Structure formats: structure tokens, C-alpha cells
mmCIF file of all heavy atoms, coordinates in Angstrom:
data_MODEL
# 
_entry.id   MODEL 
# 
loop_
_atom_site.group_PDB 
_atom_site.id 
_atom_site.type_symbol 
_atom_site.label_atom_id 
_atom_site.label_alt_id 
_atom_site.label_comp_id 
_atom_site.label_asym_id 
_atom_site.label_entity_id 
_atom_site.label_seq_id 
_atom_site.pdbx_PDB_ins_code 
_atom_site.Cartn_x 
_atom_site.Cartn_y 
_atom_site.Cartn_z 
_atom_site.occupancy 
_atom_site.B_iso_or_equiv 
_atom_site.pdbx_formal_charge 
_atom_site.auth_seq_id 
_atom_site.auth_comp_id 
_atom_site.auth_asym_id 
_atom_site.auth_atom_id 
_atom_site.pdbx_PDB_model_num 
ATOM 1   N N   . PRO A 1 1  ? 95.697  99.392  130.890 1.00 0.00 ? 1  PRO A N   1 
ATOM 2   C CA  . PRO A 1 1  ? 96.612  99.375  129.746 1.00 0.00 ? 1  PRO A CA  1 
ATOM 3   C C   . PRO A 1 1  ? 97.863  100.204 130.003 1.00 0.00 ? 1  PRO A C   1 
ATOM 4   O O   . PRO A 1 1  ? 97.812  101.258 130.635 1.00 0.00 ? 1  PRO A O   1 
ATOM 5   C CB  . PRO A 1 1  ? 95.802  99.980  128.598 1.00 0.00 ? 1  PRO A CB  1 
ATOM 6   C CG  . PRO A 1 1  ? 94.486  100.372 129.137 1.00 0.00 ? 1  PRO A CG  1 
ATOM 7   C CD  . PRO A 1 1  ? 94.430  100.029 130.591 1.00 0.00 ? 1  PRO A CD  1 
ATOM 8   N N   . THR A 1 2  ? 98.981  99.695  129.508 1.00 0.00 ? 2  THR A N   1 
ATOM 9   C CA  . THR A 1 2  ? 100.246 100.420 129.623 1.00 0.00 ? 2  THR A CA  1 
ATOM 10  C C   . THR A 1 2  ? 100.288 101.524 128.566 1.00 0.00 ? 2  THR A C   1 
ATOM 11  O O   . THR A 1 2  ? 99.481  101.534 127.628 1.00 0.00 ? 2  THR A O   1 
ATOM 12  C CB  . THR A 1 2  ? 101.428 99.461  129.403 1.00 0.00 ? 2  THR A CB  1 
ATOM 13  O OG1 . THR A 1 2  ? 101.368 98.965  128.056 1.00 0.00 ? 2  THR A OG1 1 
ATOM 14  C CG2 . THR A 1 2  ? 101.409 98.305  130.391 1.00 0.00 ? 2  THR A CG2 1 
ATOM 15  N N   . ALA A 1 3  ? 101.262 102.415 128.686 1.00 0.00 ? 3  ALA A N   1 
ATOM 16  C CA  . ALA A 1 3  ? 101.419 103.481 127.683 1.00 0.00 ? 3  ALA A CA  1 
ATOM 17  C C   . ALA A 1 3  ? 101.633 102.903 126.284 1.00 0.00 ? 3  ALA A C   1 
ATOM 18  O O   . ALA A 1 3  ? 100.989 103.358 125.327 1.00 0.00 ? 3  ALA A O   1 
ATOM 19  C CB  . ALA A 1 3  ? 102.555 104.410 128.077 1.00 0.00 ? 3  ALA A CB  1 
ATOM 20  N N   . PRO A 1 4  ? 102.496 101.886 126.101 1.00 0.00 ? 4  PRO A N   1 
ATOM 21  C CA  . PRO A 1 4  ? 102.635 101.310 124.764 1.00 0.00 ? 4  PRO A CA  1 
ATOM 22  C C   . PRO A 1 4  ? 101.333 100.672 124.241 1.00 0.00 ? 4  PRO A C   1 
ATOM 23  O O   . PRO A 1 4  ? 101.032 100.754 123.052 1.00 0.00 ? 4  PRO A O   1 
ATOM 24  C CB  . PRO A 1 4  ? 103.735 100.258 124.923 1.00 0.00 ? 4  PRO A CB  1 
ATOM 25  C CG  . PRO A 1 4  ? 104.507 100.676 126.126 1.00 0.00 ? 4  PRO A CG  1 
ATOM 26  C CD  . PRO A 1 4  ? 103.502 101.349 127.029 1.00 0.00 ? 4  PRO A CD  1 
ATOM 27  N N   . GLU A 1 5  ? 100.563 100.062 125.128 1.00 0.00 ? 5  GLU A N   1 
ATOM 28  C CA  . GLU A 1 5  ? 99.275  99.480  124.713 1.00 0.00 ? 5  GLU A CA  1 
ATOM 29  C C   . GLU A 1 5  ? 98.313  100.574 124.261 1.00 0.00 ? 5  GLU A C   1 
ATOM 30  O O   . GLU A 1 5  ? 97.596  100.410 123.282 1.00 0.00 ? 5  GLU A O   1 
ATOM 31  C CB  . GLU A 1 5  ? 98.665  98.658  125.849 1.00 0.00 ? 5  GLU A CB  1 
ATOM 32  C CG  . GLU A 1 5  ? 99.392  97.359  126.113 1.00 0.00 ? 5  GLU A CG  1 
ATOM 33  C CD  . GLU A 1 5  ? 98.951  96.678  127.395 1.00 0.00 ? 5  GLU A CD  1 
ATOM 34  O OE1 . GLU A 1 5  ? 98.054  97.200  128.098 1.00 0.00 ? 5  GLU A OE1 1 
ATOM 35  O OE2 . GLU A 1 5  ? 99.518  95.627  127.715 1.00 0.00 ? 5  GLU A OE2 1 
ATOM 36  N N   . ARG A 1 6  ? 98.292  101.693 124.964 1.00 0.00 ? 6  ARG A N   1 
ATOM 37  C CA  . ARG A 1 6  ? 97.424  102.803 124.567 1.00 0.00 ? 6  ARG A CA  1 
ATOM 38  C C   . ARG A 1 6  ? 97.845  103.346 123.203 1.00 0.00 ? 6  ARG A C   1 
ATOM 39  O O   . ARG A 1 6  ? 97.004  103.667 122.358 1.00 0.00 ? 6  ARG A O   1 
ATOM 40  C CB  . ARG A 1 6  ? 97.425  103.902 125.628 1.00 0.00 ? 6  ARG A CB  1 
ATOM 41  C CG  . ARG A 1 6  ? 96.697  103.503 126.909 1.00 0.00 ? 6  ARG A CG  1 
ATOM 42  C CD  . ARG A 1 6  ? 96.478  104.675 127.854 1.00 0.00 ? 6  ARG A CD  1 
ATOM 43  N NE  . ARG A 1 6  ? 97.713  105.356 128.235 1.00 0.00 ? 6  ARG A NE  1 
ATOM 44  C CZ  . ARG A 1 6  ? 98.466  105.051 129.287 1.00 0.00 ? 6  ARG A CZ  1 
ATOM 45  N NH1 . ARG A 1 6  ? 98.121  104.044 130.067 1.00 0.00 ? 6  ARG A NH1 1 
ATOM 46  N NH2 . ARG A 1 6  ? 99.552  105.735 129.562 1.00 0.00 ? 6  ARG A NH2 1 
ATOM 47  N N   . LEU A 1 7  ? 99.144  103.417 122.987 1.00 0.00 ? 7  LEU A N   1 
ATOM 48  C CA  . LEU A 1 7  ? 99.656  103.892 121.699 1.00 0.00 ? 7  LEU A CA  1 
ATOM 49  C C   . LEU A 1 7  ? 99.288  102.920 120.572 1.00 0.00 ? 7  LEU A C   1 
ATOM 50  O O   . LEU A 1 7  ? 98.863  103.342 119.495 1.00 0.00 ? 7  LEU A O   1 
ATOM 51  C CB  . LEU A 1 7  ? 101.176 104.075 121.783 1.00 0.00 ? 7  LEU A CB  1 
ATOM 52  C CG  . LEU A 1 7  ? 101.869 104.772 120.635 1.00 0.00 ? 7  LEU A CG  1 
ATOM 53  C CD1 . LEU A 1 7  ? 101.258 106.144 120.356 1.00 0.00 ? 7  LEU A CD1 1 
ATOM 54  C CD2 . LEU A 1 7  ? 103.354 104.923 120.940 1.00 0.00 ? 7  LEU A CD2 1 
ATOM 55  N N   . PHE A 1 8  ? 99.402  101.627 120.842 1.00 0.00 ? 8  PHE A N   1 
ATOM 56  C CA  . PHE A 1 8  ? 99.051  100.644 119.818 1.00 0.00 ? 8  PHE A CA  1 
ATOM 57  C C   . PHE A 1 8  ? 97.546  100.662 119.545 1.00 0.00 ? 8  PHE A C   1 
ATOM 58  O O   . PHE A 1 8  ? 97.117  100.502 118.407 1.00 0.00 ? 8  PHE A O   1 
ATOM 59  C CB  . PHE A 1 8  ? 99.512  99.240  120.212 1.00 0.00 ? 8  PHE A CB  1 
ATOM 60  C CG  . PHE A 1 8  ? 99.406  98.263  119.080 1.00 0.00 ? 8  PHE A CG  1 
ATOM 61  C CD1 . PHE A 1 8  ? 100.329 98.282  118.048 1.00 0.00 ? 8  PHE A CD1 1 
ATOM 62  C CD2 . PHE A 1 8  ? 98.374  97.349  119.024 1.00 0.00 ? 8  PHE A CD2 1 
ATOM 63  C CE1 . PHE A 1 8  ? 100.234 97.403  116.983 1.00 0.00 ? 8  PHE A CE1 1 
ATOM 64  C CE2 . PHE A 1 8  ? 98.266  96.465  117.967 1.00 0.00 ? 8  PHE A CE2 1 
ATOM 65  C CZ  . PHE A 1 8  ? 99.200  96.489  116.943 1.00 0.00 ? 8  PHE A CZ  1 
ATOM 66  N N   . LYS A 1 9  ? 96.759  100.886 120.575 1.00 0.00 ? 9  LYS A N   1 
ATOM 67  C CA  . LYS A 1 9  ? 95.313  101.007 120.384 1.00 0.00 ? 9  LYS A CA  1 
ATOM 68  C C   . LYS A 1 9  ? 95.010  102.165 119.436 1.00 0.00 ? 9  LYS A C   1 
ATOM 69  O O   . LYS A 1 9  ? 94.162  102.039 118.539 1.00 0.00 ? 9  LYS A O   1 
ATOM 70  C CB  . LYS A 1 9  ? 94.614  101.220 121.727 1.00 0.00 ? 9  LYS A CB  1 
ATOM 71  C CG  . LYS A 1 9  ? 93.114  101.352 121.610 1.00 0.00 ? 9  LYS A CG  1 
ATOM 72  C CD  . LYS A 1 9  ? 92.462  101.572 122.965 1.00 0.00 ? 9  LYS A CD  1 
ATOM 73  C CE  . LYS A 1 9  ? 90.973  101.754 122.795 1.00 0.00 ? 9  LYS A CE  1 
ATOM 74  N NZ  . LYS A 1 9  ? 90.328  102.095 124.064 1.00 0.00 ? 9  LYS A NZ  1 
ATOM 75  N N   . SER A 1 10 ? 95.711  103.273 119.602 1.00 0.00 ? 10 SER A N   1 
ATOM 76  C CA  . SER A 1 10 ? 95.534  104.419 118.699 1.00 0.00 ? 10 SER A CA  1 
ATOM 77  C C   . SER A 1 10 ? 95.882  104.031 117.266 1.00 0.00 ? 10 SER A C   1 
ATOM 78  O O   . SER A 1 10 ? 95.186  104.425 116.322 1.00 0.00 ? 10 SER A O   1 
ATOM 79  C CB  . SER A 1 10 ? 96.414  105.589 119.128 1.00 0.00 ? 10 SER A CB  1 
ATOM 80  O OG  . SER A 1 10 ? 96.012  106.070 120.372 1.00 0.00 ? 10 SER A OG  1 
ATOM 81  N N   . LEU A 1 11 ? 96.947  103.252 117.108 1.00 0.00 ? 11 LEU A N   1 
ATOM 82  C CA  . LEU A 1 11 ? 97.353  102.794 115.781 1.00 0.00 ? 11 LEU A CA  1 
ATOM 83  C C   . LEU A 1 11 ? 96.239  101.966 115.146 1.00 0.00 ? 11 LEU A C   1 
ATOM 84  O O   . LEU A 1 11 ? 95.874  102.180 113.990 1.00 0.00 ? 11 LEU A O   1 
ATOM 85  C CB  . LEU A 1 11 ? 98.644  101.977 115.901 1.00 0.00 ? 11 LEU A CB  1 
ATOM 86  C CG  . LEU A 1 11 ? 99.275  101.455 114.631 1.00 0.00 ? 11 LEU A CG  1 
ATOM 87  C CD1 . LEU A 1 11 ? 100.792 101.399 114.795 1.00 0.00 ? 11 LEU A CD1 1 
ATOM 88  C CD2 . LEU A 1 11 ? 98.770  100.080 114.274 1.00 0.00 ? 11 LEU A CD2 1 
ATOM 89  N N   . LEU A 1 12 ? 95.676  101.035 115.896 1.00 0.00 ? 12 LEU A N   1 
ATOM 90  C CA  . LEU A 1 12 ? 94.586  100.208 115.365 1.00 0.00 ? 12 LEU A CA  1 
ATOM 91  C C   . LEU A 1 12 ? 93.367  101.054 115.011 1.00 0.00 ? 12 LEU A C   1 
ATOM 92  O O   . LEU A 1 12 ? 92.711  100.814 113.997 1.00 0.00 ? 12 LEU A O   1 
ATOM 93  C CB  . LEU A 1 12 ? 94.202  99.123  116.368 1.00 0.00 ? 12 LEU A CB  1 
ATOM 94  C CG  . LEU A 1 12 ? 95.234  98.024  116.608 1.00 0.00 ? 12 LEU A CG  1 
ATOM 95  C CD1 . LEU A 1 12 ? 94.768  97.095  117.726 1.00 0.00 ? 12 LEU A CD1 1 
ATOM 96  C CD2 . LEU A 1 12 ? 95.505  97.248  115.338 1.00 0.00 ? 12 LEU A CD2 1 
ATOM 97  N N   . GLU A 1 13 ? 93.092  102.048 115.834 1.00 0.00 ? 13 GLU A N   1 
ATOM 98  C CA  . GLU A 1 13 ? 91.962  102.933 115.551 1.00 0.00 ? 13 GLU A CA  1 
ATOM 99  C C   . GLU A 1 13 ? 92.214  103.747 114.285 1.00 0.00 ? 13 GLU A C   1 
ATOM 100 O O   . GLU A 1 13 ? 91.307  103.924 113.472 1.00 0.00 ? 13 GLU A O   1 
ATOM 101 C CB  . GLU A 1 13 ? 91.688  103.836 116.753 1.00 0.00 ? 13 GLU A CB  1 
ATOM 102 C CG  . GLU A 1 13 ? 91.099  103.065 117.917 1.00 0.00 ? 13 GLU A CG  1 
ATOM 103 C CD  . GLU A 1 13 ? 91.048  103.841 119.223 1.00 0.00 ? 13 GLU A CD  1 
ATOM 104 O OE1 . GLU A 1 13 ? 91.736  104.890 119.343 1.00 0.00 ? 13 GLU A OE1 1 
ATOM 105 O OE2 . GLU A 1 13 ? 90.329  103.389 120.134 1.00 0.00 ? 13 GLU A OE2 1 
ATOM 106 N N   . GLU A 1 14 ? 93.458  104.220 114.100 1.00 0.00 ? 14 GLU A N   1 
ATOM 107 C CA  . GLU A 1 14 ? 93.799  104.953 112.877 1.00 0.00 ? 14 GLU A CA  1 
ATOM 108 C C   . GLU A 1 14 ? 93.628  104.076 111.642 1.00 0.00 ? 14 GLU A C   1 
ATOM 109 O O   . GLU A 1 14 ? 93.265  104.569 110.571 1.00 0.00 ? 14 GLU A O   1 
ATOM 110 C CB  . GLU A 1 14 ? 95.250  105.454 112.942 1.00 0.00 ? 14 GLU A CB  1 
ATOM 111 C CG  . GLU A 1 14 ? 95.447  106.634 113.846 1.00 0.00 ? 14 GLU A CG  1 
ATOM 112 C CD  . GLU A 1 14 ? 96.900  107.061 113.891 1.00 0.00 ? 14 GLU A CD  1 
ATOM 113 O OE1 . GLU A 1 14 ? 97.541  107.140 112.834 1.00 0.00 ? 14 GLU A OE1 1 
ATOM 114 O OE2 . GLU A 1 14 ? 97.391  107.322 115.005 1.00 0.00 ? 14 GLU A OE2 1 
ATOM 115 N N   . LEU A 1 15 ? 93.911  102.779 111.797 1.00 0.00 ? 15 LEU A N   1 
ATOM 116 C CA  . LEU A 1 15 ? 93.756  101.839 110.688 1.00 0.00 ? 15 LEU A CA  1 
ATOM 117 C C   . LEU A 1 15 ? 92.315  101.366 110.538 1.00 0.00 ? 15 LEU A C   1 
ATOM 118 O O   . LEU A 1 15 ? 92.006  100.585 109.646 1.00 0.00 ? 15 LEU A O   1 
ATOM 119 C CB  . LEU A 1 15 ? 94.679  100.631 110.880 1.00 0.00 ? 15 LEU A CB  1 
ATOM 120 C CG  . LEU A 1 15 ? 96.174  100.917 110.770 1.00 0.00 ? 15 LEU A CG  1 
ATOM 121 C CD1 . LEU A 1 15 ? 96.983  99.694  111.175 1.00 0.00 ? 15 LEU A CD1 1 
ATOM 122 C CD2 . LEU A 1 15 ? 96.540  101.374 109.369 1.00 0.00 ? 15 LEU A CD2 1 
ATOM 123 N N   . ASP A 1 16 ? 91.446  101.850 111.424 1.00 0.00 ? 16 ASP A N   1 
ATOM 124 C CA  . ASP A 1 16 ? 90.029  101.491 111.414 1.00 0.00 ? 16 ASP A CA  1 
ATOM 125 C C   . ASP A 1 16 ? 89.814  99.977  111.518 1.00 0.00 ? 16 ASP A C   1 
ATOM 126 O O   . ASP A 1 16 ? 88.965  99.400  110.848 1.00 0.00 ? 16 ASP A O   1 
ATOM 127 C CB  . ASP A 1 16 ? 89.342  102.049 110.156 1.00 0.00 ? 16 ASP A CB  1 
ATOM 128 C CG  . ASP A 1 16 ? 87.837  102.129 110.317 1.00 0.00 ? 16 ASP A CG  1 
ATOM 129 O OD1 . ASP A 1 16 ? 87.370  102.263 111.471 1.00 0.00 ? 16 ASP A OD1 1 
ATOM 130 O OD2 . ASP A 1 16 ? 87.132  102.026 109.294 1.00 0.00 ? 16 ASP A OD2 1 
ATOM 131 N N   . MET A 1 17 ? 90.635  99.349  112.375 1.00 0.00 ? 17 MET A N   1 
ATOM 132 C CA  . MET A 1 17 ? 90.547  97.907  112.578 1.00 0.00 ? 17 MET A CA  1 
ATOM 133 C C   . MET A 1 17 ? 89.587  97.595  113.722 1.00 0.00 ? 17 MET A C   1 
ATOM 134 O O   . MET A 1 17 ? 89.589  98.290  114.734 1.00 0.00 ? 17 MET A O   1 
ATOM 135 C CB  . MET A 1 17 ? 91.923  97.327  112.919 1.00 0.00 ? 17 MET A CB  1 
ATOM 136 C CG  . MET A 1 17 ? 92.933  97.375  111.792 1.00 0.00 ? 17 MET A CG  1 
ATOM 137 S SD  . MET A 1 17 ? 92.421  96.509  110.290 1.00 0.00 ? 17 MET A SD  1 
ATOM 138 C CE  . MET A 1 17 ? 92.048  94.888  110.894 1.00 0.00 ? 17 MET A CE  1 
ATOM 139 N N   . LYS A 1 18 ? 88.818  96.548  113.552 1.00 0.00 ? 18 LYS A N   1 
ATOM 140 C CA  . LYS A 1 18 ? 87.984  96.057  114.645 1.00 0.00 ? 18 LYS A CA  1 
ATOM 141 C C   . LYS A 1 18 ? 88.861  95.176  115.519 1.00 0.00 ? 18 LYS A C   1 
ATOM 142 O O   . LYS A 1 18 ? 89.557  94.289  115.023 1.00 0.00 ? 18 LYS A O   1 
ATOM 143 C CB  . LYS A 1 18 ? 86.806  95.266  114.097 1.00 0.00 ? 18 LYS A CB  1 
ATOM 144 C CG  . LYS A 1 18 ? 85.838  96.157  113.344 1.00 0.00 ? 18 LYS A CG  1 
ATOM 145 C CD  . LYS A 1 18 ? 84.659  95.382  112.825 1.00 0.00 ? 18 LYS A CD  1 
ATOM 146 C CE  . LYS A 1 18 ? 83.764  96.373  112.082 1.00 0.00 ? 18 LYS A CE  1 
ATOM 147 N NZ  . LYS A 1 18 ? 82.777  95.762  111.276 1.00 0.00 ? 18 LYS A NZ  1 
ATOM 148 N N   . PHE A 1 19 ? 88.826  95.435  116.822 1.00 0.00 ? 19 PHE A N   1 
ATOM 149 C CA  . PHE A 1 19 ? 89.681  94.682  117.729 1.00 0.00 ? 19 PHE A CA  1 
ATOM 150 C C   . PHE A 1 19 ? 89.031  94.573  119.096 1.00 0.00 ? 19 PHE A C   1 
ATOM 151 O O   . PHE A 1 19 ? 88.108  95.309  119.427 1.00 0.00 ? 19 PHE A O   1 
ATOM 152 C CB  . PHE A 1 19 ? 91.063  95.338  117.844 1.00 0.00 ? 19 PHE A CB  1 
ATOM 153 C CG  . PHE A 1 19 ? 91.035  96.718  118.437 1.00 0.00 ? 19 PHE A CG  1 
ATOM 154 C CD1 . PHE A 1 19 ? 91.172  96.917  119.790 1.00 0.00 ? 19 PHE A CD1 1 
ATOM 155 C CD2 . PHE A 1 19 ? 90.863  97.832  117.620 1.00 0.00 ? 19 PHE A CD2 1 
ATOM 156 C CE1 . PHE A 1 19 ? 91.143  98.191  120.330 1.00 0.00 ? 19 PHE A CE1 1 
ATOM 157 C CE2 . PHE A 1 19 ? 90.840  99.113  118.136 1.00 0.00 ? 19 PHE A CE2 1 
ATOM 158 C CZ  . PHE A 1 19 ? 90.986  99.285  119.500 1.00 0.00 ? 19 PHE A CZ  1 
ATOM 159 N N   . GLU A 1 20 ? 89.538  93.618  119.841 1.00 0.00 ? 20 GLU A N   1 
ATOM 160 C CA  . GLU A 1 20 ? 89.150  93.444  121.235 1.00 0.00 ? 20 GLU A CA  1 
ATOM 161 C C   . GLU A 1 20 ? 90.396  93.647  122.080 1.00 0.00 ? 20 GLU A C   1 
ATOM 162 O O   . GLU A 1 20 ? 91.507  93.352  121.640 1.00 0.00 ? 20 GLU A O   1 
ATOM 163 C CB  . GLU A 1 20 ? 88.624  92.022  121.470 1.00 0.00 ? 20 GLU A CB  1 
ATOM 164 C CG  . GLU A 1 20 ? 87.404  91.661  120.657 1.00 0.00 ? 20 GLU A CG  1 
ATOM 165 C CD  . GLU A 1 20 ? 87.034  90.194  120.790 1.00 0.00 ? 20 GLU A CD  1 
ATOM 166 O OE1 . GLU A 1 20 ? 87.487  89.515  121.739 1.00 0.00 ? 20 GLU A OE1 1 
ATOM 167 O OE2 . GLU A 1 20 ? 86.290  89.717  119.920 1.00 0.00 ? 20 GLU A OE2 1 
ATOM 168 N N   . THR A 1 21 ? 90.213  94.137  123.288 1.00 0.00 ? 21 THR A N   1 
ATOM 169 C CA  . THR A 1 21 ? 91.327  94.243  124.215 1.00 0.00 ? 21 THR A CA  1 
ATOM 170 C C   . THR A 1 21 ? 91.156  93.186  125.298 1.00 0.00 ? 21 THR A C   1 
ATOM 171 O O   . THR A 1 21 ? 90.051  92.717  125.565 1.00 0.00 ? 21 THR A O   1 
ATOM 172 C CB  . THR A 1 21 ? 91.412  95.634  124.857 1.00 0.00 ? 21 THR A CB  1 
ATOM 173 O OG1 . THR A 1 21 ? 90.185  95.906  125.544 1.00 0.00 ? 21 THR A OG1 1 
ATOM 174 C CG2 . THR A 1 21 ? 91.670  96.704  123.810 1.00 0.00 ? 21 THR A CG2 1 
ATOM 175 N N   . GLN A 1 22 ? 92.260  92.813  125.884 1.00 0.00 ? 22 GLN A N   1 
ATOM 176 C CA  . GLN A 1 22 ? 92.292  91.872  126.997 1.00 0.00 ? 22 GLN A CA  1 
ATOM 177 C C   . GLN A 1 22 ? 91.561  90.567  126.686 1.00 0.00 ? 22 GLN A C   1 
ATOM 178 O O   . GLN A 1 22 ? 90.699  90.108  127.421 1.00 0.00 ? 22 GLN A O   1 
ATOM 179 C CB  . GLN A 1 22 ? 91.755  92.524  128.259 1.00 0.00 ? 22 GLN A CB  1 
ATOM 180 C CG  . GLN A 1 22 ? 92.578  93.716  128.690 1.00 0.00 ? 22 GLN A CG  1 
ATOM 181 C CD  . GLN A 1 22 ? 92.180  94.236  130.053 1.00 0.00 ? 22 GLN A CD  1 
ATOM 182 O OE1 . GLN A 1 22 ? 91.170  93.846  130.614 1.00 0.00 ? 22 GLN A OE1 1 
ATOM 183 N NE2 . GLN A 1 22 ? 92.993  95.121  130.593 1.00 0.00 ? 22 GLN A NE2 1 
ATOM 184 N N   . LYS A 1 23 ? 91.955  89.950  125.608 1.00 0.00 ? 23 LYS A N   1 
ATOM 185 C CA  . LYS A 1 23 ? 91.419  88.642  125.210 1.00 0.00 ? 23 LYS A CA  1 
ATOM 186 C C   . LYS A 1 23 ? 91.960  87.574  126.166 1.00 0.00 ? 23 LYS A C   1 
ATOM 187 O O   . LYS A 1 23 ? 93.164  87.472  126.374 1.00 0.00 ? 23 LYS A O   1 
ATOM 188 C CB  . LYS A 1 23 ? 91.848  88.339  123.766 1.00 0.00 ? 23 LYS A CB  1 
ATOM 189 C CG  . LYS A 1 23 ? 91.514  86.971  123.267 1.00 0.00 ? 23 LYS A CG  1 
ATOM 190 C CD  . LYS A 1 23 ? 90.105  86.919  122.795 1.00 0.00 ? 23 LYS A CD  1 
ATOM 191 C CE  . LYS A 1 23 ? 89.818  85.604  122.063 1.00 0.00 ? 23 LYS A CE  1 
ATOM 192 N NZ  . LYS A 1 23 ? 88.398  85.460  121.841 1.00 0.00 ? 23 LYS A NZ  1 
ATOM 193 N N   . ILE A 1 24 ? 91.073  86.793  126.734 1.00 0.00 ? 24 ILE A N   1 
ATOM 194 C CA  . ILE A 1 24 ? 91.494  85.735  127.649 1.00 0.00 ? 24 ILE A CA  1 
ATOM 195 C C   . ILE A 1 24 ? 91.505  84.408  126.910 1.00 0.00 ? 24 ILE A C   1 
ATOM 196 O O   . ILE A 1 24 ? 90.504  84.024  126.296 1.00 0.00 ? 24 ILE A O   1 
ATOM 197 C CB  . ILE A 1 24 ? 90.575  85.646  128.881 1.00 0.00 ? 24 ILE A CB  1 
ATOM 198 C CG1 . ILE A 1 24 ? 90.644  86.944  129.681 1.00 0.00 ? 24 ILE A CG1 1 
ATOM 199 C CG2 . ILE A 1 24 ? 90.970  84.456  129.752 1.00 0.00 ? 24 ILE A CG2 1 
ATOM 200 C CD1 . ILE A 1 24 ? 89.719  86.977  130.875 1.00 0.00 ? 24 ILE A CD1 1 
ATOM 201 N N   . VAL A 1 25 ? 92.646  83.726  126.983 1.00 0.00 ? 25 VAL A N   1 
ATOM 202 C CA  . VAL A 1 25 ? 92.794  82.391  126.402 1.00 0.00 ? 25 VAL A CA  1 
ATOM 203 C C   . VAL A 1 25 ? 93.512  81.536  127.445 1.00 0.00 ? 25 VAL A C   1 
ATOM 204 O O   . VAL A 1 25 ? 94.604  81.896  127.905 1.00 0.00 ? 25 VAL A O   1 
ATOM 205 C CB  . VAL A 1 25 ? 93.610  82.419  125.086 1.00 0.00 ? 25 VAL A CB  1 
ATOM 206 C CG1 . VAL A 1 25 ? 93.740  81.021  124.497 1.00 0.00 ? 25 VAL A CG1 1 
ATOM 207 C CG2 . VAL A 1 25 ? 92.997  83.384  124.070 1.00 0.00 ? 25 VAL A CG2 1 
# 
């Protein structure tokens, strides 16, 4: 993950959102 991706992950965690990383489509 890039620095901006790590920062956005923190944002999602603060919002208590369930998420997946690196979704392949």
C-alpha cells in the first residue's frame, strides 16, 4: 500500500467501516 492508501485505510477504520483491500476484478 502507498502512503495515501494507508491514510485512507485509517479513515475507514475511524469510520468503523468493513472493507477489503486489493479487490481483484
